[in-house]
Each structure stands twice: as C-alpha cells, then as structure tokens.
Amino acid sequence: MLGAPVVGSSPPLQPSATSTSAPTFESIRAYEANLSHPGANATFPGVGKGDEIKVDGESYEALAVNPERVILKALRNRKRYHLETNREQRTKNLAARTGV
C-alpha cells in the first residue's frame, strides 16, 4: 500500500539549539613589565621579550619577562641582569585576578 505510514518509523528531526554558559578559556601569550631606573630618572612602560631599552647610553635587550623577574642582557658585553619584580605589586595583581 503506497503512502501508508511505516510502522516503527521515527518522527522527522526537529532542529534544536542549546547554549551553555561554559567558562571562557584564556591563555597568556606574553608578559610585559613596567621598568624604572630612579638613578637615570627613566621609565620604560610595557617592556616585553625582545624589546630594547637604553639606560645612560647603554643598550639592553629583554631576554625574558615573567611575573617573578625580568632578565636583561647588555648588548655591549652580553652580561645578564636578573631583576626581581616587586613582590607587593605581584600580590596586588594576584588578588585582583582572583577576587581575593
């Protein structure tokens, strides 16, 4: 019999959409540091890895920047300088991120 319903057939598909408020994922691609040199009365905002700064005529390259330290290399003699970040500022930044 033509046109008769087939027994056991499933109903036609109905389009549906659902949305969830899943957390967004973020990744840190790079850090920047705001450096200052009180003796030279100089500030260097937003220094990132690979950036070059000049202090008293001496050029330095930022080799690494992370929340704990900045590593600079003097271009003249390749000497490395490890600069610890301000612990109080790190604590404030962490509190701001975590809401504590």
N, C-alpha and C. Protein backbone atom coordinates (compact mmCIF):
# COMPACT_ATOMS: atom_id res chain seq x y z
N MET A 1 0.83 -1.16 0.00
CA MET A 1 0.00 0.00 0.00
C MET A 1 0.88 1.23 0.00
N LEU A 2 0.72 2.01 -1.00
CA LEU A 2 1.53 3.20 -1.16
C LEU A 2 1.02 4.30 -0.26
N GLY A 3 1.94 5.08 0.31
CA GLY A 3 1.57 6.23 1.13
C GLY A 3 1.20 5.87 2.55
N ALA A 4 1.17 4.62 2.91
CA ALA A 4 0.82 4.25 4.29
C ALA A 4 2.04 4.44 5.17
N PRO A 5 1.83 4.85 6.43
CA PRO A 5 2.96 5.04 7.33
C PRO A 5 3.64 3.70 7.61
N VAL A 6 4.95 3.78 7.79
CA VAL A 6 5.73 2.59 8.09
C VAL A 6 5.74 2.43 9.59
N VAL A 7 5.41 1.28 10.05
CA VAL A 7 5.36 1.00 11.48
C VAL A 7 6.78 1.03 12.03
N GLY A 8 6.96 1.74 13.15
CA GLY A 8 8.27 1.80 13.79
C GLY A 8 9.17 2.88 13.23
N SER A 9 8.64 3.73 12.34
CA SER A 9 9.48 4.81 11.82
C SER A 9 9.61 5.92 12.88
N SER A 10 10.73 6.58 12.90
CA SER A 10 10.95 7.66 13.87
C SER A 10 10.38 8.95 13.33
N PRO A 11 10.01 9.86 14.23
CA PRO A 11 9.46 11.15 13.76
C PRO A 11 10.55 11.96 13.05
N PRO A 12 10.15 12.89 12.20
CA PRO A 12 11.15 13.70 11.50
C PRO A 12 11.99 14.50 12.50
N LEU A 13 13.22 14.75 12.12
CA LEU A 13 14.11 15.51 13.00
C LEU A 13 13.66 16.96 13.10
N GLN A 14 13.71 17.48 14.29
CA GLN A 14 13.39 18.88 14.52
C GLN A 14 14.68 19.61 14.86
N PRO A 15 14.95 20.73 14.22
CA PRO A 15 16.17 21.45 14.55
C PRO A 15 16.07 22.00 15.98
N SER A 16 17.17 21.93 16.69
CA SER A 16 17.19 22.49 18.03
C SER A 16 18.57 23.06 18.31
N ALA A 17 18.62 24.00 19.22
CA ALA A 17 19.89 24.61 19.60
C ALA A 17 19.89 24.81 21.10
N THR A 18 21.00 24.58 21.69
CA THR A 18 21.14 24.83 23.12
C THR A 18 22.38 25.70 23.33
N SER A 19 22.33 26.48 24.36
CA SER A 19 23.50 27.29 24.68
C SER A 19 23.84 27.07 26.15
N THR A 20 25.09 27.09 26.42
CA THR A 20 25.55 26.93 27.80
C THR A 20 26.44 28.11 28.13
N SER A 21 26.52 28.39 29.39
CA SER A 21 27.42 29.46 29.81
C SER A 21 28.70 28.83 30.34
N ALA A 22 29.37 28.14 29.44
CA ALA A 22 30.63 27.49 29.80
C ALA A 22 31.69 28.57 30.03
N PRO A 23 32.65 28.29 30.89
CA PRO A 23 33.69 29.29 31.13
C PRO A 23 34.54 29.50 29.88
N THR A 24 34.97 30.73 29.68
CA THR A 24 35.86 31.01 28.56
C THR A 24 37.28 30.67 28.97
N PHE A 25 38.05 30.24 28.03
CA PHE A 25 39.42 29.86 28.30
C PHE A 25 40.34 30.94 27.78
N GLU A 26 41.32 31.30 28.58
CA GLU A 26 42.29 32.30 28.19
C GLU A 26 43.68 31.72 28.34
N SER A 27 44.57 32.17 27.50
CA SER A 27 45.96 31.75 27.64
C SER A 27 46.83 33.00 27.60
N ILE A 28 47.91 32.94 28.33
CA ILE A 28 48.84 34.06 28.37
C ILE A 28 49.86 33.85 27.27
N ARG A 29 49.94 34.79 26.37
CA ARG A 29 50.87 34.68 25.25
C ARG A 29 52.22 35.32 25.59
N ALA A 30 52.20 36.40 26.35
CA ALA A 30 53.44 37.09 26.70
C ALA A 30 53.19 38.00 27.89
N TYR A 31 54.25 38.32 28.59
CA TYR A 31 54.19 39.26 29.70
C TYR A 31 54.89 40.55 29.31
N GLU A 32 54.49 41.63 29.96
CA GLU A 32 55.14 42.91 29.82
C GLU A 32 55.47 43.42 31.21
N ALA A 33 56.49 44.24 31.29
CA ALA A 33 56.89 44.81 32.58
C ALA A 33 57.06 46.31 32.43
N ASN A 34 56.68 47.03 33.46
CA ASN A 34 56.93 48.46 33.52
C ASN A 34 58.19 48.65 34.35
N LEU A 35 59.27 49.03 33.70
CA LEU A 35 60.56 49.17 34.37
C LEU A 35 60.84 50.64 34.64
N SER A 36 61.59 50.87 35.71
CA SER A 36 62.03 52.23 36.02
C SER A 36 63.44 52.17 36.56
N HIS A 37 64.18 53.24 36.30
CA HIS A 37 65.55 53.36 36.79
C HIS A 37 65.65 54.72 37.48
N PRO A 38 65.50 54.74 38.82
CA PRO A 38 65.48 56.02 39.53
C PRO A 38 66.78 56.81 39.35
N GLY A 39 67.93 56.13 39.29
CA GLY A 39 69.21 56.83 39.13
C GLY A 39 69.29 57.60 37.83
N ALA A 40 68.71 57.05 36.78
CA ALA A 40 68.72 57.69 35.46
C ALA A 40 67.45 58.50 35.23
N ASN A 41 66.54 58.48 36.22
CA ASN A 41 65.25 59.17 36.10
C ASN A 41 64.55 58.76 34.80
N ALA A 42 64.49 57.44 34.57
CA ALA A 42 63.90 56.91 33.34
C ALA A 42 62.86 55.84 33.66
N THR A 43 61.80 55.81 32.86
CA THR A 43 60.79 54.75 32.97
C THR A 43 60.62 54.11 31.60
N PHE A 44 60.31 52.83 31.62
CA PHE A 44 60.14 52.06 30.39
C PHE A 44 58.87 51.23 30.53
N PRO A 45 57.72 51.77 30.13
CA PRO A 45 56.46 51.02 30.26
C PRO A 45 56.31 49.96 29.16
N GLY A 46 55.72 48.84 29.53
CA GLY A 46 55.37 47.80 28.55
C GLY A 46 56.53 47.12 27.88
N VAL A 47 57.60 46.83 28.62
CA VAL A 47 58.76 46.14 28.05
C VAL A 47 58.44 44.65 27.95
N GLY A 48 58.58 44.09 26.76
CA GLY A 48 58.33 42.67 26.54
C GLY A 48 59.58 41.98 26.03
N LYS A 49 59.51 40.68 25.93
CA LYS A 49 60.65 39.89 25.45
C LYS A 49 61.08 40.38 24.07
N GLY A 50 62.39 40.60 23.93
CA GLY A 50 62.93 41.05 22.65
C GLY A 50 63.02 42.56 22.52
N ASP A 51 62.39 43.31 23.42
CA ASP A 51 62.44 44.78 23.36
C ASP A 51 63.82 45.27 23.77
N GLU A 52 64.20 46.41 23.23
CA GLU A 52 65.48 47.02 23.57
C GLU A 52 65.22 48.34 24.31
N ILE A 53 65.96 48.56 25.38
CA ILE A 53 65.86 49.82 26.13
C ILE A 53 67.27 50.39 26.27
N LYS A 54 67.35 51.71 26.50
CA LYS A 54 68.63 52.37 26.71
C LYS A 54 68.60 53.08 28.05
N VAL A 55 69.64 52.82 28.85
CA VAL A 55 69.80 53.46 30.16
C VAL A 55 71.19 54.06 30.20
N ASP A 56 71.27 55.37 30.38
CA ASP A 56 72.56 56.07 30.43
C ASP A 56 73.47 55.71 29.26
N GLY A 57 72.90 55.63 28.07
CA GLY A 57 73.68 55.36 26.87
C GLY A 57 73.99 53.89 26.63
N GLU A 58 73.62 53.03 27.56
CA GLU A 58 73.87 51.58 27.43
C GLU A 58 72.59 50.91 26.93
N SER A 59 72.70 50.04 25.93
CA SER A 59 71.54 49.33 25.37
C SER A 59 71.40 47.96 26.02
N TYR A 60 70.15 47.60 26.31
CA TYR A 60 69.82 46.31 26.92
C TYR A 60 68.69 45.68 26.14
N GLU A 61 68.73 44.35 26.04
CA GLU A 61 67.65 43.59 25.41
C GLU A 61 66.94 42.78 26.49
N ALA A 62 65.61 42.78 26.47
CA ALA A 62 64.83 41.97 27.41
C ALA A 62 64.82 40.53 26.89
N LEU A 63 65.47 39.64 27.63
CA LEU A 63 65.53 38.23 27.22
C LEU A 63 64.32 37.44 27.69
N ALA A 64 63.83 37.79 28.87
CA ALA A 64 62.67 37.08 29.44
C ALA A 64 61.90 38.03 30.35
N VAL A 65 60.59 37.89 30.32
CA VAL A 65 59.72 38.68 31.18
C VAL A 65 58.66 37.73 31.72
N ASN A 66 58.57 37.61 33.04
CA ASN A 66 57.52 36.82 33.66
C ASN A 66 57.11 37.50 34.96
N PRO A 67 56.11 36.99 35.66
CA PRO A 67 55.64 37.69 36.86
C PRO A 67 56.68 37.81 37.98
N GLU A 68 57.68 36.96 38.00
CA GLU A 68 58.66 36.98 39.08
C GLU A 68 59.90 37.80 38.76
N ARG A 69 60.30 37.87 37.49
CA ARG A 69 61.55 38.57 37.17
C ARG A 69 61.59 39.00 35.71
N VAL A 70 62.53 39.90 35.46
CA VAL A 70 62.85 40.34 34.11
C VAL A 70 64.35 40.09 33.93
N ILE A 71 64.74 39.51 32.81
CA ILE A 71 66.15 39.28 32.54
C ILE A 71 66.55 40.17 31.36
N LEU A 72 67.53 41.05 31.63
CA LEU A 72 68.05 41.95 30.61
C LEU A 72 69.47 41.53 30.26
N LYS A 73 69.84 41.76 28.99
CA LYS A 73 71.21 41.48 28.55
C LYS A 73 71.79 42.78 28.00
N ALA A 74 72.95 43.16 28.53
CA ALA A 74 73.66 44.32 27.99
C ALA A 74 74.19 43.95 26.61
N LEU A 75 73.89 44.78 25.62
CA LEU A 75 74.30 44.44 24.26
C LEU A 75 75.80 44.63 24.06
N ARG A 76 76.42 45.51 24.83
CA ARG A 76 77.85 45.79 24.66
C ARG A 76 78.71 44.60 25.10
N ASN A 77 78.40 44.03 26.29
CA ASN A 77 79.26 42.97 26.82
C ASN A 77 78.52 41.65 27.08
N ARG A 78 77.25 41.61 26.72
CA ARG A 78 76.41 40.41 26.84
C ARG A 78 76.18 39.96 28.28
N LYS A 79 76.47 40.82 29.25
CA LYS A 79 76.23 40.49 30.65
C LYS A 79 74.73 40.49 30.91
N ARG A 80 74.28 39.52 31.72
CA ARG A 80 72.85 39.40 32.03
C ARG A 80 72.54 39.97 33.40
N TYR A 81 71.38 40.61 33.49
CA TYR A 81 70.92 41.18 34.74
C TYR A 81 69.54 40.61 35.06
N HIS A 82 69.40 40.03 36.23
CA HIS A 82 68.12 39.47 36.68
C HIS A 82 67.48 40.46 37.63
N LEU A 83 66.33 40.99 37.24
CA LEU A 83 65.61 41.97 38.05
C LEU A 83 64.39 41.31 38.65
N GLU A 84 64.33 41.24 39.96
CA GLU A 84 63.16 40.68 40.64
C GLU A 84 62.03 41.70 40.58
N THR A 85 60.82 41.22 40.38
CA THR A 85 59.69 42.13 40.36
C THR A 85 59.28 42.48 41.78
N ASN A 86 58.49 43.50 41.88
CA ASN A 86 58.02 43.99 43.16
C ASN A 86 57.02 43.00 43.76
N ARG A 87 57.38 42.37 44.87
CA ARG A 87 56.53 41.34 45.48
C ARG A 87 55.17 41.91 45.89
N GLU A 88 55.15 43.13 46.41
CA GLU A 88 53.89 43.75 46.83
C GLU A 88 52.96 43.93 45.63
N GLN A 89 53.51 44.37 44.51
CA GLN A 89 52.70 44.56 43.31
C GLN A 89 52.20 43.22 42.78
N ARG A 90 53.03 42.17 42.84
CA ARG A 90 52.58 40.83 42.40
C ARG A 90 51.40 40.37 43.23
N THR A 91 51.45 40.62 44.55
CA THR A 91 50.35 40.22 45.43
C THR A 91 49.08 40.97 45.07
N LYS A 92 49.19 42.26 44.77
CA LYS A 92 48.01 43.05 44.37
C LYS A 92 47.43 42.53 43.06
N ASN A 93 48.31 42.22 42.11
CA ASN A 93 47.84 41.71 40.81
C ASN A 93 47.13 40.37 40.97
N LEU A 94 47.68 39.49 41.80
CA LEU A 94 47.06 38.19 42.03
C LEU A 94 45.70 38.36 42.69
N ALA A 95 45.61 39.24 43.67
CA ALA A 95 44.33 39.48 44.36
C ALA A 95 43.30 40.04 43.37
N ALA A 96 43.72 40.92 42.48
CA ALA A 96 42.80 41.49 41.50
C ALA A 96 42.28 40.42 40.55
N ARG A 97 43.15 39.48 40.16
CA ARG A 97 42.74 38.42 39.23
C ARG A 97 41.83 37.40 39.88
N THR A 98 42.10 37.08 41.13
CA THR A 98 41.34 36.00 41.79
C THR A 98 40.16 36.51 42.61
N GLY A 99 40.09 37.82 42.82
CA GLY A 99 38.98 38.38 43.59
C GLY A 99 39.12 38.17 45.08
N VAL A 100 40.33 37.85 45.54
CA VAL A 100 40.55 37.61 46.97
C VAL A 100 40.88 38.91 47.66
